[in-house]
Every structure is written in C-alpha cells, then in structure tokens.
Amino acid sequence: TCAVTDASEAYCWGNNSVGQLGIGSVADQASPTRVETSARFASVT
C-alpha cells in the first residue's frame, strides 16, 4: 500500500520483495515508511 500525505510526501508499507515500497531496500515494512525522493506528489497509483 502507498499513500500521499498532506505535505505531498509518499509513504509505502507492506511487501517489498522487488522494491515496490521505494525506500531504497527490499525489506518489508509493517508501518508507513517514507519513499526515498525529494519529489512532492499529488497522487499515487
């Protein structure tokens, strides 16, 4: 799962076997972890 905060930052959590959380590793996360980028987002899919 991924979501965009009211500060336009992306956070992801859950399965990360191929880097789908975008956090710079392939470790699963059970809590929201900030996506590794300085970009500011409006939406996620």
ModelCIF file with pLDDT and N, C-alpha, C, O atoms, coordinates in Angstrom:
data_MODEL
#
_entry.id   MODEL 
#
_entity.id                         1 
_entity.type                       polymer 
_entity.pdbx_number_of_molecules   1 
#
_entity_poly.entity_id                      1 
_entity_poly.type                           'polypeptide(L)' 
_entity_poly.nstd_linkage                   no 
_entity_poly.nstd_monomer                   no 
_entity_poly.pdbx_seq_one_letter_code       TCAVTDASEAYCWGNNSVGQLGIGSVADQASPTRVETSARFASVT 
_entity_poly.pdbx_seq_one_letter_code_can   TCAVTDASEAYCWGNNSVGQLGIGSVADQASPTRVETSARFASVT 
_entity_poly.pdbx_strand_id                 A 
#
loop_
_entity_poly_seq.entity_id 
_entity_poly_seq.num 
_entity_poly_seq.mon_id 
_entity_poly_seq.hetero 
1 1  THR n 
1 2  CYS n 
1 3  ALA n 
1 4  VAL n 
1 5  THR n 
1 6  ASP n 
1 7  ALA n 
1 8  SER n 
1 9  GLU n 
1 10 ALA n 
1 11 TYR n 
1 12 CYS n 
1 13 TRP n 
1 14 GLY n 
1 15 ASN n 
1 16 ASN n 
1 17 SER n 
1 18 VAL n 
1 19 GLY n 
1 20 GLN n 
1 21 LEU n 
1 22 GLY n 
1 23 ILE n 
1 24 GLY n 
1 25 SER n 
1 26 VAL n 
1 27 ALA n 
1 28 ASP n 
1 29 GLN n 
1 30 ALA n 
1 31 SER n 
1 32 PRO n 
1 33 THR n 
1 34 ARG n 
1 35 VAL n 
1 36 GLU n 
1 37 THR n 
1 38 SER n 
1 39 ALA n 
1 40 ARG n 
1 41 PHE n 
1 42 ALA n 
1 43 SER n 
1 44 VAL n 
1 45 THR n 
#
_struct_asym.id          A 
_struct_asym.entity_id   1 
#
loop_
_ma_qa_metric.id 
_ma_qa_metric.mode 
_ma_qa_metric.name 
_ma_qa_metric.software_group_id 
_ma_qa_metric.type 
1 global pLDDT . pLDDT 
2 local  pLDDT . pLDDT 
#
_ma_qa_metric_global.metric_id      1 
_ma_qa_metric_global.metric_value   97.69 
_ma_qa_metric_global.model_id       1 
_ma_qa_metric_global.ordinal_id     1 
#
loop_
_ma_qa_metric_local.label_asym_id 
_ma_qa_metric_local.label_comp_id 
_ma_qa_metric_local.label_seq_id 
_ma_qa_metric_local.metric_id 
_ma_qa_metric_local.metric_value 
_ma_qa_metric_local.model_id 
_ma_qa_metric_local.ordinal_id 
A THR 1  2 98.00 1 1  
A CYS 2  2 98.00 1 2  
A ALA 3  2 98.00 1 3  
A VAL 4  2 98.00 1 4  
A THR 5  2 98.00 1 5  
A ASP 6  2 97.00 1 6  
A ALA 7  2 97.00 1 7  
A SER 8  2 98.00 1 8  
A GLU 9  2 98.00 1 9  
A ALA 10 2 98.00 1 10 
A TYR 11 2 98.00 1 11 
A CYS 12 2 98.00 1 12 
A TRP 13 2 98.00 1 13 
A GLY 14 2 98.00 1 14 
A ASN 15 2 98.00 1 15 
A ASN 16 2 98.00 1 16 
A SER 17 2 98.00 1 17 
A VAL 18 2 98.00 1 18 
A GLY 19 2 98.00 1 19 
A GLN 20 2 98.00 1 20 
A LEU 21 2 98.00 1 21 
A GLY 22 2 98.00 1 22 
A ILE 23 2 98.00 1 23 
A GLY 24 2 98.00 1 24 
A SER 25 2 97.00 1 25 
A VAL 26 2 98.00 1 26 
A ALA 27 2 98.00 1 27 
A ASP 28 2 98.00 1 28 
A GLN 29 2 98.00 1 29 
A ALA 30 2 98.00 1 30 
A SER 31 2 98.00 1 31 
A PRO 32 2 98.00 1 32 
A THR 33 2 98.00 1 33 
A ARG 34 2 98.00 1 34 
A VAL 35 2 98.00 1 35 
A GLU 36 2 96.00 1 36 
A THR 37 2 95.00 1 37 
A SER 38 2 95.00 1 38 
A ALA 39 2 96.00 1 39 
A ARG 40 2 97.00 1 40 
A PHE 41 2 98.00 1 41 
A ALA 42 2 98.00 1 42 
A SER 43 2 98.00 1 43 
A VAL 44 2 98.00 1 44 
A THR 45 2 98.00 1 45 
#
loop_
_atom_site.group_PDB 
_atom_site.id 
_atom_site.type_symbol 
_atom_site.label_atom_id 
_atom_site.label_alt_id 
_atom_site.label_comp_id 
_atom_site.label_asym_id 
_atom_site.label_entity_id 
_atom_site.label_seq_id 
_atom_site.pdbx_PDB_ins_code 
_atom_site.Cartn_x 
_atom_site.Cartn_y 
_atom_site.Cartn_z 
_atom_site.occupancy 
_atom_site.B_iso_or_equiv 
_atom_site.pdbx_formal_charge 
_atom_site.auth_seq_id 
_atom_site.auth_comp_id 
_atom_site.auth_asym_id 
_atom_site.auth_atom_id 
_atom_site.pdbx_PDB_model_num 
ATOM 1   N N  . THR A 1 1  ? 0.848  -1.183 0.000  1.00 98.00 ? 1  THR A N  1 
ATOM 2   C CA . THR A 1 1  ? 0.000  0.000  0.000  1.00 98.00 ? 1  THR A CA 1 
ATOM 3   C C  . THR A 1 1  ? 0.886  1.237  0.000  1.00 98.00 ? 1  THR A C  1 
ATOM 4   O O  . THR A 1 1  ? 1.929  1.250  0.655  1.00 98.00 ? 1  THR A O  1 
ATOM 5   N N  . CYS A 1 2  ? 0.488  2.267  -0.720 1.00 98.00 ? 2  CYS A N  1 
ATOM 6   C CA . CYS A 1 2  ? 1.193  3.551  -0.701 1.00 98.00 ? 2  CYS A CA 1 
ATOM 7   C C  . CYS A 1 2  ? 0.170  4.672  -0.565 1.00 98.00 ? 2  CYS A C  1 
ATOM 8   O O  . CYS A 1 2  ? -0.990 4.518  -0.947 1.00 98.00 ? 2  CYS A O  1 
ATOM 9   N N  . ALA A 1 3  ? 0.615  5.800  -0.017 1.00 98.00 ? 3  ALA A N  1 
ATOM 10  C CA . ALA A 1 3  ? -0.269 6.951  0.143  1.00 98.00 ? 3  ALA A CA 1 
ATOM 11  C C  . ALA A 1 3  ? 0.542  8.235  0.111  1.00 98.00 ? 3  ALA A C  1 
ATOM 12  O O  . ALA A 1 3  ? 1.743  8.234  0.383  1.00 98.00 ? 3  ALA A O  1 
ATOM 13  N N  . VAL A 1 4  ? -0.127 9.327  -0.225 1.00 98.00 ? 4  VAL A N  1 
ATOM 14  C CA . VAL A 1 4  ? 0.480  10.652 -0.254 1.00 98.00 ? 4  VAL A CA 1 
ATOM 15  C C  . VAL A 1 4  ? -0.071 11.453 0.915  1.00 98.00 ? 4  VAL A C  1 
ATOM 16  O O  . VAL A 1 4  ? -1.281 11.492 1.133  1.00 98.00 ? 4  VAL A O  1 
ATOM 17  N N  . THR A 1 5  ? 0.831  12.097 1.673  1.00 98.00 ? 5  THR A N  1 
ATOM 18  C CA . THR A 1 5  ? 0.421  12.871 2.834  1.00 98.00 ? 5  THR A CA 1 
ATOM 19  C C  . THR A 1 5  ? -0.030 14.275 2.433  1.00 98.00 ? 5  THR A C  1 
ATOM 20  O O  . THR A 1 5  ? 0.102  14.689 1.281  1.00 98.00 ? 5  THR A O  1 
ATOM 21  N N  . ASP A 1 6  ? -0.567 14.992 3.423  1.00 97.00 ? 6  ASP A N  1 
ATOM 22  C CA . ASP A 1 6  ? -0.968 16.375 3.171  1.00 97.00 ? 6  ASP A CA 1 
ATOM 23  C C  . ASP A 1 6  ? 0.233  17.296 2.979  1.00 97.00 ? 6  ASP A C  1 
ATOM 24  O O  . ASP A 1 6  ? 0.071  18.464 2.626  1.00 97.00 ? 6  ASP A O  1 
ATOM 25  N N  . ALA A 1 7  ? 1.450  16.767 3.212  1.00 97.00 ? 7  ALA A N  1 
ATOM 26  C CA . ALA A 1 7  ? 2.678  17.507 2.918  1.00 97.00 ? 7  ALA A CA 1 
ATOM 27  C C  . ALA A 1 7  ? 3.266  17.084 1.572  1.00 97.00 ? 7  ALA A C  1 
ATOM 28  O O  . ALA A 1 7  ? 4.394  17.453 1.243  1.00 97.00 ? 7  ALA A O  1 
ATOM 29  N N  . SER A 1 8  ? 2.502  16.310 0.792  1.00 98.00 ? 8  SER A N  1 
ATOM 30  C CA . SER A 1 8  ? 2.886  15.870 -0.558 1.00 98.00 ? 8  SER A CA 1 
ATOM 31  C C  . SER A 1 8  ? 4.038  14.868 -0.569 1.00 98.00 ? 8  SER A C  1 
ATOM 32  O O  . SER A 1 8  ? 4.729  14.723 -1.577 1.00 98.00 ? 8  SER A O  1 
ATOM 33  N N  . GLU A 1 9  ? 4.243  14.180 0.549  1.00 98.00 ? 9  GLU A N  1 
ATOM 34  C CA . GLU A 1 9  ? 5.248  13.129 0.616  1.00 98.00 ? 9  GLU A CA 1 
ATOM 35  C C  . GLU A 1 9  ? 4.595  11.771 0.439  1.00 98.00 ? 9  GLU A C  1 
ATOM 36  O O  . GLU A 1 9  ? 3.461  11.565 0.872  1.00 98.00 ? 9  GLU A O  1 
ATOM 37  N N  . ALA A 1 10 ? 5.310  10.830 -0.203 1.00 98.00 ? 10 ALA A N  1 
ATOM 38  C CA . ALA A 1 10 ? 4.793  9.483  -0.409 1.00 98.00 ? 10 ALA A CA 1 
ATOM 39  C C  . ALA A 1 10 ? 5.333  8.546  0.657  1.00 98.00 ? 10 ALA A C  1 
ATOM 40  O O  . ALA A 1 10 ? 6.523  8.564  0.970  1.00 98.00 ? 10 ALA A O  1 
ATOM 41  N N  . TYR A 1 11 ? 4.452  7.733  1.209  1.00 98.00 ? 11 TYR A N  1 
ATOM 42  C CA . TYR A 1 11 ? 4.806  6.687  2.166  1.00 98.00 ? 11 TYR A CA 1 
ATOM 43  C C  . TYR A 1 11 ? 4.252  5.366  1.661  1.00 98.00 ? 11 TYR A C  1 
ATOM 44  O O  . TYR A 1 11 ? 3.178  5.328  1.061  1.00 98.00 ? 11 TYR A O  1 
ATOM 45  N N  . CYS A 1 12 ? 4.982  4.279  1.902  1.00 98.00 ? 12 CYS A N  1 
ATOM 46  C CA . CYS A 1 12 ? 4.535  2.949  1.498  1.00 98.00 ? 12 CYS A CA 1 
ATOM 47  C C  . CYS A 1 12 ? 4.748  1.948  2.624  1.00 98.00 ? 12 CYS A C  1 
ATOM 48  O O  . CYS A 1 12 ? 5.562  2.168  3.521  1.00 98.00 ? 12 CYS A O  1 
ATOM 49  N N  . TRP A 1 13 ? 3.998  0.835  2.565  1.00 98.00 ? 13 TRP A N  1 
ATOM 50  C CA . TRP A 1 13 ? 4.146  -0.224 3.559  1.00 98.00 ? 13 TRP A CA 1 
ATOM 51  C C  . TRP A 1 13 ? 3.657  -1.546 2.969  1.00 98.00 ? 13 TRP A C  1 
ATOM 52  O O  . TRP A 1 13 ? 2.874  -1.566 2.020  1.00 98.00 ? 13 TRP A O  1 
ATOM 53  N N  . GLY A 1 14 ? 4.140  -2.661 3.557  1.00 98.00 ? 14 GLY A N  1 
ATOM 54  C CA . GLY A 1 14 ? 3.745  -3.991 3.088  1.00 98.00 ? 14 GLY A CA 1 
ATOM 55  C C  . GLY A 1 14 ? 4.886  -4.720 2.400  1.00 98.00 ? 14 GLY A C  1 
ATOM 56  O O  . GLY A 1 14 ? 6.053  -4.546 2.754  1.00 98.00 ? 14 GLY A O  1 
ATOM 57  N N  . ASN A 1 15 ? 4.540  -5.535 1.417  1.00 98.00 ? 15 ASN A N  1 
ATOM 58  C CA . ASN A 1 15 ? 5.511  -6.349 0.687  1.00 98.00 ? 15 ASN A CA 1 
ATOM 59  C C  . ASN A 1 15 ? 6.478  -5.467 -0.110 1.00 98.00 ? 15 ASN A C  1 
ATOM 60  O O  . ASN A 1 15 ? 6.065  -4.508 -0.761 1.00 98.00 ? 15 ASN A O  1 
ATOM 61  N N  . ASN A 1 16 ? 7.772  -5.808 -0.047 1.00 98.00 ? 16 ASN A N  1 
ATOM 62  C CA . ASN A 1 16 ? 8.791  -5.002 -0.713 1.00 98.00 ? 16 ASN A CA 1 
ATOM 63  C C  . ASN A 1 16 ? 9.817  -5.874 -1.434 1.00 98.00 ? 16 ASN A C  1 
ATOM 64  O O  . ASN A 1 16 ? 10.985 -5.502 -1.548 1.00 98.00 ? 16 ASN A O  1 
ATOM 65  N N  . SER A 1 17 ? 9.374  -7.037 -1.922 1.00 98.00 ? 17 SER A N  1 
ATOM 66  C CA . SER A 1 17 ? 10.289 -8.039 -2.478 1.00 98.00 ? 17 SER A CA 1 
ATOM 67  C C  . SER A 1 17 ? 11.085 -7.542 -3.672 1.00 98.00 ? 17 SER A C  1 
ATOM 68  O O  . SER A 1 17 ? 12.197 -8.016 -3.907 1.00 98.00 ? 17 SER A O  1 
ATOM 69  N N  . VAL A 1 18 ? 10.537 -6.587 -4.441 1.00 98.00 ? 18 VAL A N  1 
ATOM 70  C CA . VAL A 1 18 ? 11.242 -6.058 -5.618 1.00 98.00 ? 18 VAL A CA 1 
ATOM 71  C C  . VAL A 1 18 ? 11.372 -4.543 -5.567 1.00 98.00 ? 18 VAL A C  1 
ATOM 72  O O  . VAL A 1 18 ? 11.524 -3.891 -6.600 1.00 98.00 ? 18 VAL A O  1 
ATOM 73  N N  . GLY A 1 19 ? 11.313 -3.989 -4.366 1.00 98.00 ? 19 GLY A N  1 
ATOM 74  C CA . GLY A 1 19 ? 11.497 -2.551 -4.211 1.00 98.00 ? 19 GLY A CA 1 
ATOM 75  C C  . GLY A 1 19 ? 10.257 -1.718 -4.415 1.00 98.00 ? 19 GLY A C  1 
ATOM 76  O O  . GLY A 1 19 ? 10.359 -0.506 -4.607 1.00 98.00 ? 19 GLY A O  1 
ATOM 77  N N  . GLN A 1 20 ? 9.067  -2.340 -4.380 1.00 98.00 ? 20 GLN A N  1 
ATOM 78  C CA . GLN A 1 20 ? 7.830  -1.611 -4.670 1.00 98.00 ? 20 GLN A CA 1 
ATOM 79  C C  . GLN A 1 20 ? 7.446  -0.581 -3.612 1.00 98.00 ? 20 GLN A C  1 
ATOM 80  O O  . GLN A 1 20 ? 6.511  0.192  -3.819 1.00 98.00 ? 20 GLN A O  1 
ATOM 81  N N  . LEU A 1 21 ? 8.156  -0.560 -2.478 1.00 98.00 ? 21 LEU A N  1 
ATOM 82  C CA . LEU A 1 21 ? 7.903  0.481  -1.476 1.00 98.00 ? 21 LEU A CA 1 
ATOM 83  C C  . LEU A 1 21 ? 8.723  1.739  -1.738 1.00 98.00 ? 21 LEU A C  1 
ATOM 84  O O  . LEU A 1 21 ? 8.436  2.798  -1.180 1.00 98.00 ? 21 LEU A O  1 
ATOM 85  N N  . GLY A 1 22 ? 9.737  1.624  -2.581 1.00 98.00 ? 22 GLY A N  1 
ATOM 86  C CA . GLY A 1 22 ? 10.516 2.799  -2.962 1.00 98.00 ? 22 GLY A CA 1 
ATOM 87  C C  . GLY A 1 22 ? 11.373 3.385  -1.865 1.00 98.00 ? 22 GLY A C  1 
ATOM 88  O O  . GLY A 1 22 ? 11.645 4.585  -1.863 1.00 98.00 ? 22 GLY A O  1 
ATOM 89  N N  . ILE A 1 23 ? 11.807 2.546  -0.921 1.00 98.00 ? 23 ILE A N  1 
ATOM 90  C CA . ILE A 1 23 ? 12.521 3.048  0.256  1.00 98.00 ? 23 ILE A CA 1 
ATOM 91  C C  . ILE A 1 23 ? 14.020 2.777  0.190  1.00 98.00 ? 23 ILE A C  1 
ATOM 92  O O  . ILE A 1 23 ? 14.727 2.988  1.175  1.00 98.00 ? 23 ILE A O  1 
ATOM 93  N N  . GLY A 1 24 ? 14.512 2.314  -0.956 1.00 98.00 ? 24 GLY A N  1 
ATOM 94  C CA . GLY A 1 24 ? 15.936 2.079  -1.124 1.00 98.00 ? 24 GLY A CA 1 
ATOM 95  C C  . GLY A 1 24 ? 16.416 0.727  -0.660 1.00 98.00 ? 24 GLY A C  1 
ATOM 96  O O  . GLY A 1 24 ? 17.622 0.495  -0.581 1.00 98.00 ? 24 GLY A O  1 
ATOM 97  N N  . SER A 1 25 ? 15.498 -0.174 -0.350 1.00 97.00 ? 25 SER A N  1 
ATOM 98  C CA . SER A 1 25 ? 15.841 -1.535 0.052  1.00 97.00 ? 25 SER A CA 1 
ATOM 99  C C  . SER A 1 25 ? 14.730 -2.466 -0.379 1.00 97.00 ? 25 SER A C  1 
ATOM 100 O O  . SER A 1 25 ? 13.745 -2.027 -0.975 1.00 97.00 ? 25 SER A O  1 
ATOM 101 N N  . VAL A 1 26 ? 14.880 -3.770 -0.079 1.00 98.00 ? 26 VAL A N  1 
ATOM 102 C CA . VAL A 1 26 ? 13.819 -4.738 -0.388 1.00 98.00 ? 26 VAL A CA 1 
ATOM 103 C C  . VAL A 1 26 ? 13.287 -5.365 0.902  1.00 98.00 ? 26 VAL A C  1 
ATOM 104 O O  . VAL A 1 26 ? 12.810 -6.500 0.892  1.00 98.00 ? 26 VAL A O  1 
ATOM 105 N N  . ALA A 1 27 ? 13.368 -4.633 1.998  1.00 98.00 ? 27 ALA A N  1 
ATOM 106 C CA . ALA A 1 27 ? 12.854 -5.111 3.278  1.00 98.00 ? 27 ALA A CA 1 
ATOM 107 C C  . ALA A 1 27 ? 11.377 -4.747 3.412  1.00 98.00 ? 27 ALA A C  1 
ATOM 108 O O  . ALA A 1 27 ? 10.996 -3.597 3.192  1.00 98.00 ? 27 ALA A O  1 
ATOM 109 N N  . ASP A 1 28 ? 10.542 -5.732 3.775  1.00 98.00 ? 28 ASP A N  1 
ATOM 110 C CA . ASP A 1 28 ? 9.127  -5.455 4.021  1.00 98.00 ? 28 ASP A CA 1 
ATOM 111 C C  . ASP A 1 28 ? 8.976  -4.468 5.178  1.00 98.00 ? 28 ASP A C  1 
ATOM 112 O O  . ASP A 1 28 ? 9.833  -4.386 6.059  1.00 98.00 ? 28 ASP A O  1 
ATOM 113 N N  . GLN A 1 29 ? 7.875  -3.723 5.158  1.00 98.00 ? 29 GLN A N  1 
ATOM 114 C CA . GLN A 1 29 ? 7.606  -2.751 6.215  1.00 98.00 ? 29 GLN A CA 1 
ATOM 115 C C  . GLN A 1 29 ? 6.153  -2.882 6.672  1.00 98.00 ? 29 GLN A C  1 
ATOM 116 O O  . GLN A 1 29 ? 5.237  -2.881 5.850  1.00 98.00 ? 29 GLN A O  1 
ATOM 117 N N  . ALA A 1 30 ? 5.948  -2.993 7.979  1.00 98.00 ? 30 ALA A N  1 
ATOM 118 C CA . ALA A 1 30 ? 4.597  -3.117 8.525  1.00 98.00 ? 30 ALA A CA 1 
ATOM 119 C C  . ALA A 1 30 ? 4.022  -1.780 8.970  1.00 98.00 ? 30 ALA A C  1 
ATOM 120 O O  . ALA A 1 30 ? 2.888  -1.715 9.446  1.00 98.00 ? 30 ALA A O  1 
ATOM 121 N N  . SER A 1 31 ? 4.800  -0.713 8.817  1.00 98.00 ? 31 SER A N  1 
ATOM 122 C CA . SER A 1 31 ? 4.354  0.642  9.147  1.00 98.00 ? 31 SER A CA 1 
ATOM 123 C C  . SER A 1 31 ? 4.747  1.576  8.003  1.00 98.00 ? 31 SER A C  1 
ATOM 124 O O  . SER A 1 31 ? 5.678  1.267  7.259  1.00 98.00 ? 31 SER A O  1 
ATOM 125 N N  . PRO A 1 32 ? 4.067  2.703  7.843  1.00 98.00 ? 32 PRO A N  1 
ATOM 126 C CA . PRO A 1 32 ? 4.402  3.628  6.761  1.00 98.00 ? 32 PRO A CA 1 
ATOM 127 C C  . PRO A 1 32 ? 5.858  4.055  6.800  1.00 98.00 ? 32 PRO A C  1 
ATOM 128 O O  . PRO A 1 32 ? 6.372  4.462  7.842  1.00 98.00 ? 32 PRO A O  1 
ATOM 129 N N  . THR A 1 33 ? 6.515  3.956  5.655  1.00 98.00 ? 33 THR A N  1 
ATOM 130 C CA . THR A 1 33 ? 7.919  4.329  5.515  1.00 98.00 ? 33 THR A CA 1 
ATOM 131 C C  . THR A 1 33 ? 8.045  5.287  4.340  1.00 98.00 ? 33 THR A C  1 
ATOM 132 O O  . THR A 1 33 ? 7.499  5.039  3.265  1.00 98.00 ? 33 THR A O  1 
ATOM 133 N N  . ARG A 1 34 ? 8.766  6.380  4.549  1.00 98.00 ? 34 ARG A N  1 
ATOM 134 C CA . ARG A 1 34 ? 8.832  7.427  3.532  1.00 98.00 ? 34 ARG A CA 1 
ATOM 135 C C  . ARG A 1 34 ? 9.588  6.955  2.294  1.00 98.00 ? 34 ARG A C  1 
ATOM 136 O O  . ARG A 1 34 ? 10.663 6.363  2.399  1.00 98.00 ? 34 ARG A O  1 
ATOM 137 N N  . VAL A 1 35 ? 9.020  7.223  1.129  1.00 98.00 ? 35 VAL A N  1 
ATOM 138 C CA . VAL A 1 35 ? 9.645  6.897  -0.147 1.00 98.00 ? 35 VAL A CA 1 
ATOM 139 C C  . VAL A 1 35 ? 10.870 7.782  -0.332 1.00 98.00 ? 35 VAL A C  1 
ATOM 140 O O  . VAL A 1 35 ? 10.831 8.978  -0.045 1.00 98.00 ? 35 VAL A O  1 
ATOM 141 N N  . GLU A 1 36 ? 11.966 7.181  -0.817 1.00 96.00 ? 36 GLU A N  1 
ATOM 142 C CA . GLU A 1 36 ? 13.246 7.888  -0.944 1.00 96.00 ? 36 GLU A CA 1 
ATOM 143 C C  . GLU A 1 36 ? 13.265 8.808  -2.155 1.00 96.00 ? 36 GLU A C  1 
ATOM 144 O O  . GLU A 1 36 ? 13.702 8.411  -3.236 1.00 96.00 ? 36 GLU A O  1 
ATOM 145 N N  . THR A 1 37 ? 12.798 10.018 -1.978 1.00 95.00 ? 37 THR A N  1 
ATOM 146 C CA . THR A 1 37 ? 12.835 11.028 -3.038 1.00 95.00 ? 37 THR A CA 1 
ATOM 147 C C  . THR A 1 37 ? 12.518 12.386 -2.446 1.00 95.00 ? 37 THR A C  1 
ATOM 148 O O  . THR A 1 37 ? 11.843 12.490 -1.422 1.00 95.00 ? 37 THR A O  1 
ATOM 149 N N  . SER A 1 38 ? 13.014 13.434 -3.104 1.00 95.00 ? 38 SER A N  1 
ATOM 150 C CA . SER A 1 38 ? 12.675 14.794 -2.690 1.00 95.00 ? 38 SER A CA 1 
ATOM 151 C C  . SER A 1 38 ? 11.470 15.320 -3.467 1.00 95.00 ? 38 SER A C  1 
ATOM 152 O O  . SER A 1 38 ? 10.994 16.428 -3.218 1.00 95.00 ? 38 SER A O  1 
ATOM 153 N N  . ALA A 1 39 ? 10.978 14.508 -4.418 1.00 96.00 ? 39 ALA A N  1 
ATOM 154 C CA . ALA A 1 39 ? 9.823  14.919 -5.218 1.00 96.00 ? 39 ALA A CA 1 
ATOM 155 C C  . ALA A 1 39 ? 8.593  15.063 -4.328 1.00 96.00 ? 39 ALA A C  1 
ATOM 156 O O  . ALA A 1 39 ? 8.457  14.362 -3.325 1.00 96.00 ? 39 ALA A O  1 
ATOM 157 N N  . ARG A 1 40 ? 7.714  15.964 -4.698 1.00 97.00 ? 40 ARG A N  1 
ATOM 158 C CA . ARG A 1 40 ? 6.467  16.177 -3.967 1.00 97.00 ? 40 ARG A CA 1 
ATOM 159 C C  . ARG A 1 40 ? 5.312  15.734 -4.858 1.00 97.00 ? 40 ARG A C  1 
ATOM 160 O O  . ARG A 1 40 ? 5.209  16.145 -6.014 1.00 97.00 ? 40 ARG A O  1 
ATOM 161 N N  . PHE A 1 41 ? 4.450  14.893 -4.307 1.00 98.00 ? 41 PHE A N  1 
ATOM 162 C CA . PHE A 1 41 ? 3.454  14.211 -5.120 1.00 98.00 ? 41 PHE A CA 1 
ATOM 163 C C  . PHE A 1 41 ? 2.029  14.697 -4.851 1.00 98.00 ? 41 PHE A C  1 
ATOM 164 O O  . PHE A 1 41 ? 1.705  15.199 -3.775 1.00 98.00 ? 41 PHE A O  1 
ATOM 165 N N  . ALA A 1 42 ? 1.191  14.524 -5.883 1.00 98.00 ? 42 ALA A N  1 
ATOM 166 C CA . ALA A 1 42 ? -0.229 14.835 -5.769 1.00 98.00 ? 42 ALA A CA 1 
ATOM 167 C C  . ALA A 1 42 ? -1.059 13.577 -5.613 1.00 98.00 ? 42 ALA A C  1 
ATOM 168 O O  . ALA A 1 42 ? -2.097 13.594 -4.951 1.00 98.00 ? 42 ALA A O  1 
ATOM 169 N N  . SER A 1 43 ? -0.605 12.463 -6.230 1.00 98.00 ? 43 SER A N  1 
ATOM 170 C CA . SER A 1 43 ? -1.383 11.221 -6.180 1.00 98.00 ? 43 SER A CA 1 
ATOM 171 C C  . SER A 1 43 ? -0.459 10.039 -6.395 1.00 98.00 ? 43 SER A C  1 
ATOM 172 O O  . SER A 1 43 ? 0.667  10.188 -6.868 1.00 98.00 ? 43 SER A O  1 
ATOM 173 N N  . VAL A 1 44 ? -0.952 8.859  -6.041 1.00 98.00 ? 44 VAL A N  1 
ATOM 174 C CA . VAL A 1 44 ? -0.191 7.626  -6.175 1.00 98.00 ? 44 VAL A CA 1 
ATOM 175 C C  . VAL A 1 44 ? -1.095 6.550  -6.752 1.00 98.00 ? 44 VAL A C  1 
ATOM 176 O O  . VAL A 1 44 ? -2.300 6.546  -6.501 1.00 98.00 ? 44 VAL A O  1 
ATOM 177 N N  . THR A 1 45 ? -0.515 5.633  -7.526 1.00 98.00 ? 45 THR A N  1 
ATOM 178 C CA . THR A 1 45 ? -1.260 4.531  -8.129 1.00 98.00 ? 45 THR A CA 1 
ATOM 179 C C  . THR A 1 45 ? -0.356 3.305  -8.155 1.00 98.00 ? 45 THR A C  1 
ATOM 180 O O  . THR A 1 45 ? -0.768 2.244  -8.622 1.00 98.00 ? 45 THR A O  1 
#
